Amino acid sequence: MVTVSNSYAIELLKQALELYTPSKQEYPLARLIAEKASSELGFEHVHMDDVGNVIARKGYGSPRVLLCGHMDTVPGYIPVSIRDGLIYGRGASDAKAPLLALLLAASLARDCGTITFAGLVDEEGNATGIKNLMRNSIDADYAIFGEPSGLEKITIAYKGRVAFNITCDVGDSAHASAPMLAGNAIEEAYELWQSIKDALASMNNKGLTYCITEIKGGSSHNVTPARCSLTIDIRVPNGLSTLNVLNLLDLTLNRVAEKKGIKVEYSIEDRTEAFEARHDSPLVRALVLAVMDVRGKRPMLIRKSGTGDMNILGNALNIPIVTYGPGDAHSSHSADEHVSIDEYIASIDVLKRTLYHLSRLHKREIGR
């Protein structure tokens, strides 16, 4: 087993960032993590599952703690570089630095129960990795997800998400010089979007957000479009179910299609419920204590507007869960994605101390 020094941690992050791992192309990083975990970092059982997740375990007894992060990134390679105390590269913030901080903290932990590290695939895509982990009935008393929160913030809630694709079909097209001879699917899709926005606004929930993320229509520059498709992303706050949103959308789409005499079809691309963790769990208390140990101040508990793997696990298992990790979410997915090296190193210490405090608090909890 190697000594996990600061230089070792930085070099490992640099190696991870140099591997280009957009969703469904995570194998090079999975192989690197598996090799390090089994040969250098003291994990006792390491394997890759049938979708490409890398799973590594160490220790025994309780508490059983799942440390979970994703290996994939959004597309777009960024050359790896270190400047002014920052390391740049695709995934630096989202979420290779948080992922490796979990891995190295677990390696450093001693007598903290059973620790399972999971490096997951396809979080930026269809959540294939976390869904497969759930199918394999992971055993855990607590879970920490690695995502950028910053050292002094703990994410306790994420919004839900509904993503769907709508296709408008007016049935025919015409030459652009005679647009009156056929309907215009792009114009109909725009009017449909206005109706959707009006319907969602009628829910009178300020936490509900929505936008078009993709639009495709038309076949030629001089032909009126017969078909147009939209992809719409809706973020659903706690207290509002995705079913409420979908029922309203279905009514709206059917009403507009009938009124306009057009064919409207839609398919759901993603449906994930919102999730908020318990604020008073031993896990939250342990992480608060660890941040205070390292930073000397009490961290903030925050709710994020995005959606993550924590939603899926949190809504399926009745266990305390939080999200934590180095990085600034505003840097994620950007052209200059980066993370502070000092923050990355400090987060390893925070997570190691969290495992210590959690073991202590868990034993006190079950001893009551």
Protein backbone atom coordinates (compact mmCIF):
# COMPACT_ATOMS: atom_id res chain seq x y z
CA MET A 1 0.00 0.00 0.00
CA VAL A 2 1.38 3.41 -1.00
CA THR A 3 1.46 6.54 1.11
CA VAL A 4 -1.35 8.82 -0.04
CA SER A 5 0.58 12.08 -0.04
CA ASN A 6 -0.57 15.37 -1.53
CA SER A 7 1.64 14.79 -4.55
CA TYR A 8 0.13 11.31 -5.02
CA ALA A 9 -3.40 12.75 -4.89
CA ILE A 10 -2.58 15.49 -7.39
CA GLU A 11 -0.88 13.09 -9.80
CA LEU A 12 -3.83 10.69 -9.65
CA LEU A 13 -6.25 13.51 -10.46
CA LYS A 14 -4.03 14.62 -13.33
CA GLN A 15 -4.00 11.06 -14.75
CA ALA A 16 -7.78 10.85 -14.43
CA LEU A 17 -8.30 14.16 -16.24
CA GLU A 18 -6.04 13.12 -19.09
CA LEU A 19 -8.42 10.24 -19.80
CA TYR A 20 -11.30 11.42 -21.98
CA THR A 21 -14.39 9.75 -20.53
CA PRO A 22 -17.70 11.08 -21.85
CA SER A 23 -20.74 8.97 -21.01
CA LYS A 24 -20.43 5.35 -22.19
CA GLN A 25 -16.65 5.74 -22.62
CA GLU A 26 -15.57 5.45 -18.97
CA TYR A 27 -13.58 2.21 -19.17
CA PRO A 28 -10.07 3.80 -19.16
CA LEU A 29 -10.82 5.56 -15.87
CA ALA A 30 -12.54 2.49 -14.41
CA ARG A 31 -9.44 0.45 -15.21
CA LEU A 32 -7.14 3.07 -13.63
CA ILE A 33 -9.24 3.20 -10.44
CA ALA A 34 -9.49 -0.59 -10.22
CA GLU A 35 -5.73 -0.96 -10.59
CA LYS A 36 -4.96 1.69 -7.97
CA ALA A 37 -7.60 0.42 -5.54
CA SER A 38 -6.40 -3.19 -5.65
CA SER A 39 -2.65 -2.66 -5.83
CA GLU A 40 -1.94 0.61 -4.00
CA LEU A 41 -4.87 1.85 -1.94
CA GLY A 42 -5.66 -1.09 0.32
CA PHE A 43 -9.09 -2.15 -0.93
CA GLU A 44 -9.78 -5.83 -0.36
CA HIS A 45 -12.41 -6.57 -3.05
CA VAL A 46 -12.36 -4.78 -6.40
CA HIS A 47 -14.39 -5.56 -9.51
CA MET A 48 -16.26 -4.05 -12.45
CA ASP A 49 -19.91 -4.88 -12.85
CA ASP A 50 -21.76 -5.67 -16.07
CA VAL A 51 -22.36 -2.02 -17.06
CA GLY A 52 -18.83 -0.81 -16.28
CA ASN A 53 -19.14 0.52 -12.73
CA VAL A 54 -16.01 -0.08 -10.64
CA ILE A 55 -16.79 -1.30 -7.11
CA ALA A 56 -14.16 -1.46 -4.35
CA ARG A 57 -14.66 -2.54 -0.71
CA LYS A 58 -12.61 -2.46 2.45
CA GLY A 59 -13.14 -3.00 6.16
CA TYR A 60 -15.85 -4.90 7.96
CA GLY A 61 -18.75 -4.46 10.35
CA SER A 62 -20.86 -1.37 10.80
CA PRO A 63 -21.51 1.25 9.74
CA ARG A 64 -21.79 0.29 6.08
CA VAL A 65 -20.96 3.39 4.09
CA LEU A 66 -21.36 3.84 0.34
CA LEU A 67 -19.07 6.43 -1.27
CA CYS A 68 -20.39 7.05 -4.74
CA GLY A 69 -19.32 9.25 -7.66
CA HIS A 70 -19.44 9.22 -11.43
CA MET A 71 -16.62 8.65 -13.88
CA ASP A 72 -18.24 10.11 -16.98
CA THR A 73 -18.16 13.73 -18.12
CA VAL A 74 -20.03 15.82 -20.64
CA PRO A 75 -18.40 15.78 -24.11
CA GLY A 76 -15.58 18.17 -24.99
CA TYR A 77 -11.93 17.54 -24.16
CA ILE A 78 -10.04 20.25 -22.26
CA PRO A 79 -6.21 20.05 -22.21
CA VAL A 80 -5.01 19.29 -18.69
CA SER A 81 -2.95 22.05 -17.12
CA ILE A 82 -2.04 23.48 -13.73
CA ARG A 83 -2.01 27.27 -13.31
CA ASP A 84 -2.22 29.52 -10.26
CA GLY A 85 -3.18 26.70 -7.90
CA LEU A 86 -5.93 25.38 -10.19
CA ILE A 87 -6.01 22.20 -12.24
CA TYR A 88 -7.93 22.41 -15.51
CA GLY A 89 -9.50 19.57 -17.47
CA ARG A 90 -12.86 18.11 -18.44
CA GLY A 91 -14.32 16.63 -15.27
CA ALA A 92 -12.05 18.55 -12.89
CA SER A 93 -15.08 19.82 -11.00
CA ASP A 94 -17.80 17.50 -12.27
CA ALA A 95 -16.88 15.13 -10.95
CA LYS A 96 -13.42 13.55 -11.06
CA ALA A 97 -11.99 15.56 -8.16
CA PRO A 98 -14.96 14.65 -5.88
CA LEU A 99 -14.77 11.04 -7.09
CA LEU A 100 -11.07 10.67 -6.29
CA ALA A 101 -11.43 12.53 -3.00
CA LEU A 102 -13.90 9.82 -1.92
CA LEU A 103 -11.56 7.06 -3.12
CA LEU A 104 -8.51 8.45 -1.31
CA ALA A 105 -10.43 9.27 1.87
CA ALA A 106 -11.63 5.67 1.99
CA SER A 107 -8.09 4.46 1.49
CA LEU A 108 -6.90 6.54 4.46
CA ALA A 109 -9.76 5.57 6.79
CA ARG A 110 -9.03 3.04 9.53
CA ASP A 111 -11.53 1.00 11.55
CA CYS A 112 -14.53 2.90 10.19
CA GLY A 113 -16.77 -0.04 9.36
CA THR A 114 -17.40 -1.40 5.87
CA ILE A 115 -16.68 1.11 3.12
CA THR A 116 -17.87 0.55 -0.44
CA PHE A 117 -16.57 2.86 -3.14
CA ALA A 118 -18.51 2.98 -6.40
CA GLY A 119 -17.30 4.76 -9.52
CA LEU A 120 -20.38 4.95 -11.73
CA VAL A 121 -20.96 5.23 -15.46
CA ASP A 122 -23.40 7.38 -17.42
CA GLU A 123 -24.51 9.86 -14.75
CA GLU A 124 -24.46 12.62 -17.35
CA GLY A 125 -26.56 10.43 -19.64
CA ASN A 126 -29.28 8.00 -18.57
CA ALA A 127 -28.08 7.09 -15.04
CA THR A 128 -27.19 3.56 -16.17
CA GLY A 129 -24.60 3.17 -13.42
CA ILE A 130 -26.72 4.05 -10.38
CA LYS A 131 -29.69 2.09 -11.71
CA ASN A 132 -27.53 -1.01 -12.05
CA LEU A 133 -26.11 -0.48 -8.57
CA MET A 134 -29.68 -0.41 -7.27
CA ARG A 135 -30.58 -3.59 -9.14
CA ASN A 136 -27.66 -5.32 -7.43
CA SER A 137 -29.15 -4.48 -4.00
CA ILE A 138 -26.32 -2.46 -2.51
CA ASP A 139 -26.16 -2.75 1.30
CA ALA A 140 -25.52 0.55 3.05
CA ASP A 141 -26.46 2.42 6.20
CA TYR A 142 -25.27 5.76 4.77
CA ALA A 143 -24.21 7.16 1.41
CA ILE A 144 -22.11 10.10 0.29
CA PHE A 145 -22.21 11.21 -3.34
CA GLY A 146 -19.26 13.04 -4.82
CA GLU A 147 -20.32 16.22 -6.62
CA PRO A 148 -18.94 19.77 -6.42
CA SER A 149 -20.38 21.58 -3.42
CA GLY A 150 -17.32 23.45 -2.21
CA LEU A 151 -15.53 22.70 1.05
CA GLU A 152 -17.91 24.62 3.27
CA LYS A 153 -21.25 23.51 1.81
CA ILE A 154 -23.15 20.23 2.09
CA THR A 155 -25.81 19.46 -0.51
CA ILE A 156 -28.90 18.00 1.10
CA ALA A 157 -31.44 18.34 -1.71
CA TYR A 158 -31.79 18.18 -5.48
CA LYS A 159 -34.72 19.03 -7.70
CA GLY A 160 -36.47 16.37 -9.71
CA ARG A 161 -36.50 16.32 -13.49
CA VAL A 162 -38.86 15.63 -16.36
CA ALA A 163 -37.28 15.60 -19.82
CA PHE A 164 -39.39 14.82 -22.84
CA ASN A 165 -39.35 15.01 -26.62
CA ILE A 166 -42.32 16.44 -28.53
CA THR A 167 -42.91 16.05 -32.26
CA CYS A 168 -45.35 18.25 -34.19
CA ASP A 169 -46.49 16.89 -37.56
CA VAL A 170 -48.65 19.02 -39.88
CA GLY A 171 -48.85 16.26 -42.48
CA ASP A 172 -47.53 18.00 -45.58
CA SER A 173 -45.08 20.58 -46.83
CA ALA A 174 -45.01 23.15 -49.62
CA HIS A 175 -42.59 25.30 -51.53
CA ALA A 176 -41.41 28.22 -49.43
CA SER A 177 -42.78 30.61 -52.07
CA ALA A 178 -46.30 29.35 -51.34
CA PRO A 179 -46.40 28.80 -47.54
CA MET A 180 -50.17 29.14 -47.48
CA LEU A 181 -50.50 25.68 -49.09
CA ALA A 182 -49.33 23.77 -46.01
CA GLY A 183 -48.94 24.10 -42.28
CA ASN A 184 -45.61 25.06 -40.74
CA ALA A 185 -44.46 22.59 -38.08
CA ILE A 186 -41.84 24.93 -36.63
CA GLU A 187 -44.41 27.67 -36.11
CA GLU A 188 -46.85 25.16 -34.60
CA ALA A 189 -44.12 23.86 -32.28
CA TYR A 190 -43.39 27.42 -31.13
CA GLU A 191 -47.08 28.01 -30.34
CA LEU A 192 -47.20 24.67 -28.56
CA TRP A 193 -44.22 25.71 -26.43
CA GLN A 194 -46.02 28.92 -25.49
CA SER A 195 -49.01 26.84 -24.36
CA ILE A 196 -46.75 24.57 -22.31
CA LYS A 197 -45.13 27.56 -20.60
CA ASP A 198 -48.52 29.05 -19.79
CA ALA A 199 -49.69 25.73 -18.32
CA LEU A 200 -46.57 25.31 -16.18
CA ALA A 201 -46.80 28.92 -15.00
CA SER A 202 -50.35 28.20 -13.86
CA MET A 203 -48.93 25.77 -11.29
CA ASN A 204 -47.73 28.90 -9.48
CA ASN A 205 -44.58 27.26 -8.12
CA LYS A 206 -41.54 29.54 -8.26
CA GLY A 207 -39.18 26.59 -7.87
CA LEU A 208 -40.40 25.01 -11.11
CA THR A 209 -38.12 25.84 -14.07
CA TYR A 210 -38.33 24.83 -17.71
CA CYS A 211 -36.56 25.41 -21.02
CA ILE A 212 -36.14 24.08 -24.55
CA THR A 213 -32.78 22.35 -24.91
CA GLU A 214 -32.99 21.07 -28.49
CA ILE A 215 -35.05 21.85 -31.59
CA LYS A 216 -35.01 20.08 -34.95
CA GLY A 217 -37.21 20.88 -37.93
CA GLY A 218 -37.33 21.27 -41.66
CA SER A 219 -35.81 19.36 -44.55
CA SER A 220 -34.60 22.11 -46.89
CA HIS A 221 -34.03 25.87 -46.98
CA ASN A 222 -36.87 26.37 -49.48
CA VAL A 223 -39.48 23.90 -48.20
CA THR A 224 -41.96 24.54 -45.38
CA PRO A 225 -41.33 22.14 -42.48
CA ALA A 226 -43.76 19.24 -42.09
CA ARG A 227 -42.25 18.04 -38.82
CA CYS A 228 -40.53 19.68 -35.88
CA SER A 229 -39.32 18.17 -32.62
CA LEU A 230 -38.50 19.84 -29.32
CA THR A 231 -36.67 18.56 -26.28
CA ILE A 232 -37.88 20.20 -23.09
CA ASP A 233 -36.21 20.04 -19.68
CA ILE A 234 -38.28 20.71 -16.55
CA ARG A 235 -36.83 20.85 -13.02
CA VAL A 236 -39.30 19.95 -10.30
CA PRO A 237 -38.84 21.20 -6.70
CA ASN A 238 -39.54 19.28 -3.53
CA GLY A 239 -43.22 19.17 -2.73
CA LEU A 240 -44.24 18.76 -6.37
CA SER A 241 -44.31 15.34 -8.04
CA THR A 242 -43.33 14.62 -11.62
CA LEU A 243 -46.76 13.02 -12.07
CA ASN A 244 -48.43 16.40 -11.44
CA VAL A 245 -46.26 17.91 -14.17
CA LEU A 246 -46.81 15.08 -16.65
CA ASN A 247 -50.58 15.08 -16.21
CA LEU A 248 -50.68 18.81 -16.94
CA LEU A 249 -48.45 18.38 -20.01
CA ASP A 250 -50.60 15.57 -21.37
CA LEU A 251 -53.76 17.66 -21.05
CA THR A 252 -52.07 20.66 -22.68
CA LEU A 253 -50.62 18.72 -25.63
CA ASN A 254 -53.91 16.96 -26.37
CA ARG A 255 -55.89 20.19 -26.13
CA VAL A 256 -53.59 22.09 -28.48
CA ALA A 257 -53.36 19.22 -30.99
CA GLU A 258 -57.14 18.97 -31.18
CA LYS A 259 -57.62 22.72 -31.48
CA LYS A 260 -54.98 23.17 -34.19
CA GLY A 261 -55.70 19.97 -36.08
CA ILE A 262 -52.11 18.75 -35.96
CA LYS A 263 -50.51 15.51 -34.85
CA VAL A 264 -48.55 15.83 -31.60
CA GLU A 265 -46.62 12.95 -30.10
CA TYR A 266 -44.32 12.93 -27.08
CA SER A 267 -42.00 10.55 -25.29
CA ILE A 268 -40.55 10.83 -21.80
CA GLU A 269 -36.73 10.82 -21.85
CA ASP A 270 -36.20 11.09 -18.10
CA ARG A 271 -38.40 11.19 -15.01
CA THR A 272 -36.71 11.61 -11.64
CA GLU A 273 -38.36 12.71 -8.41
CA ALA A 274 -36.96 15.46 -6.21
CA PHE A 275 -35.13 14.43 -3.04
CA GLU A 276 -34.21 16.06 0.25
CA ALA A 277 -32.10 14.34 2.92
CA ARG A 278 -32.75 14.41 6.65
CA HIS A 279 -30.90 17.34 8.20
CA ASP A 280 -30.40 15.71 11.61
CA SER A 281 -28.91 12.35 10.60
CA PRO A 282 -25.60 11.06 12.01
CA LEU A 283 -24.20 11.48 8.49
CA VAL A 284 -24.95 15.19 8.29
CA ARG A 285 -23.63 15.68 11.83
CA ALA A 286 -20.44 13.77 10.98
CA LEU A 287 -19.79 15.83 7.88
CA VAL A 288 -20.48 19.07 9.73
CA LEU A 289 -17.97 18.09 12.42
CA ALA A 290 -15.39 17.13 9.79
CA VAL A 291 -15.70 20.46 7.98
CA MET A 292 -15.35 22.26 11.31
CA ASP A 293 -12.23 20.19 12.07
CA VAL A 294 -10.58 21.15 8.78
CA ARG A 295 -11.98 24.62 8.05
CA GLY A 296 -12.79 25.91 11.52
CA LYS A 297 -16.31 26.99 10.58
CA ARG A 298 -19.73 25.45 10.33
CA PRO A 299 -20.74 24.50 6.76
CA MET A 300 -23.96 25.57 5.07
CA LEU A 301 -26.63 23.04 4.11
CA ILE A 302 -27.72 23.81 0.55
CA ARG A 303 -30.38 22.79 -1.95
CA LYS A 304 -29.33 22.57 -5.60
CA SER A 305 -31.40 23.28 -8.68
CA GLY A 306 -29.95 20.33 -10.59
CA THR A 307 -30.73 16.63 -10.45
CA GLY A 308 -28.30 13.81 -9.64
CA ASP A 309 -27.79 10.17 -8.77
CA MET A 310 -28.62 11.03 -5.15
CA ASN A 311 -32.26 11.45 -6.21
CA ILE A 312 -32.47 7.87 -7.45
CA LEU A 313 -30.80 6.23 -4.46
CA GLY A 314 -32.42 8.57 -1.95
CA ASN A 315 -35.93 7.87 -3.19
CA ALA A 316 -35.33 4.11 -3.25
CA LEU A 317 -33.53 3.54 0.08
CA ASN A 318 -34.49 4.80 3.50
CA ILE A 319 -30.97 5.78 4.56
CA PRO A 320 -29.23 9.10 5.25
CA ILE A 321 -27.59 10.50 2.11
CA VAL A 322 -25.70 13.71 1.29
CA THR A 323 -23.65 15.09 -1.58
CA TYR A 324 -20.26 16.68 -1.00
CA GLY A 325 -17.05 17.39 -2.86
CA PRO A 326 -14.49 19.96 -3.97
CA GLY A 327 -15.24 22.29 -6.84
CA ASP A 328 -17.58 25.02 -7.96
CA ALA A 329 -20.68 23.86 -9.82
CA HIS A 330 -20.51 26.99 -12.00
CA SER A 331 -17.24 25.65 -13.43
CA SER A 332 -18.85 22.32 -14.32
CA HIS A 333 -19.44 21.68 -18.03
CA SER A 334 -17.70 24.96 -18.91
CA ALA A 335 -14.87 25.53 -21.39
CA ASP A 336 -12.40 26.27 -18.58
CA GLU A 337 -13.54 23.63 -16.08
CA HIS A 338 -11.18 23.52 -13.11
CA VAL A 339 -10.82 22.81 -9.42
CA SER A 340 -8.63 24.33 -6.72
CA ILE A 341 -5.82 21.96 -5.80
CA ASP A 342 -5.87 23.12 -2.18
CA GLU A 343 -9.62 22.50 -2.01
CA TYR A 344 -9.23 19.04 -3.53
CA ILE A 345 -6.55 18.10 -0.99
CA ALA A 346 -8.53 19.52 1.92
CA SER A 347 -11.68 17.65 0.84
CA ILE A 348 -9.84 14.34 1.21
CA ASP A 349 -9.12 15.21 4.83
CA VAL A 350 -12.74 16.31 5.39
CA LEU A 351 -14.08 13.04 4.01
CA LYS A 352 -11.59 10.94 5.98
CA ARG A 353 -12.65 12.72 9.18
CA THR A 354 -16.30 12.29 8.19
CA LEU A 355 -15.82 8.51 8.09
CA TYR A 356 -14.23 8.62 11.55
CA HIS A 357 -16.99 10.78 13.06
CA LEU A 358 -19.70 8.73 11.35
CA SER A 359 -18.37 5.49 12.81
CA ARG A 360 -18.34 7.05 16.27
CA LEU A 361 -21.81 8.60 15.96
CA HIS A 362 -23.31 5.48 14.44
CA LYS A 363 -22.14 3.34 17.36
CA ARG A 364 -23.55 5.89 19.79
CA GLU A 365 -26.85 5.92 17.86
CA ILE A 366 -27.37 2.16 17.86
CA GLY A 367 -26.23 1.98 21.50
CA ARG A 368 -29.14 4.13 22.69
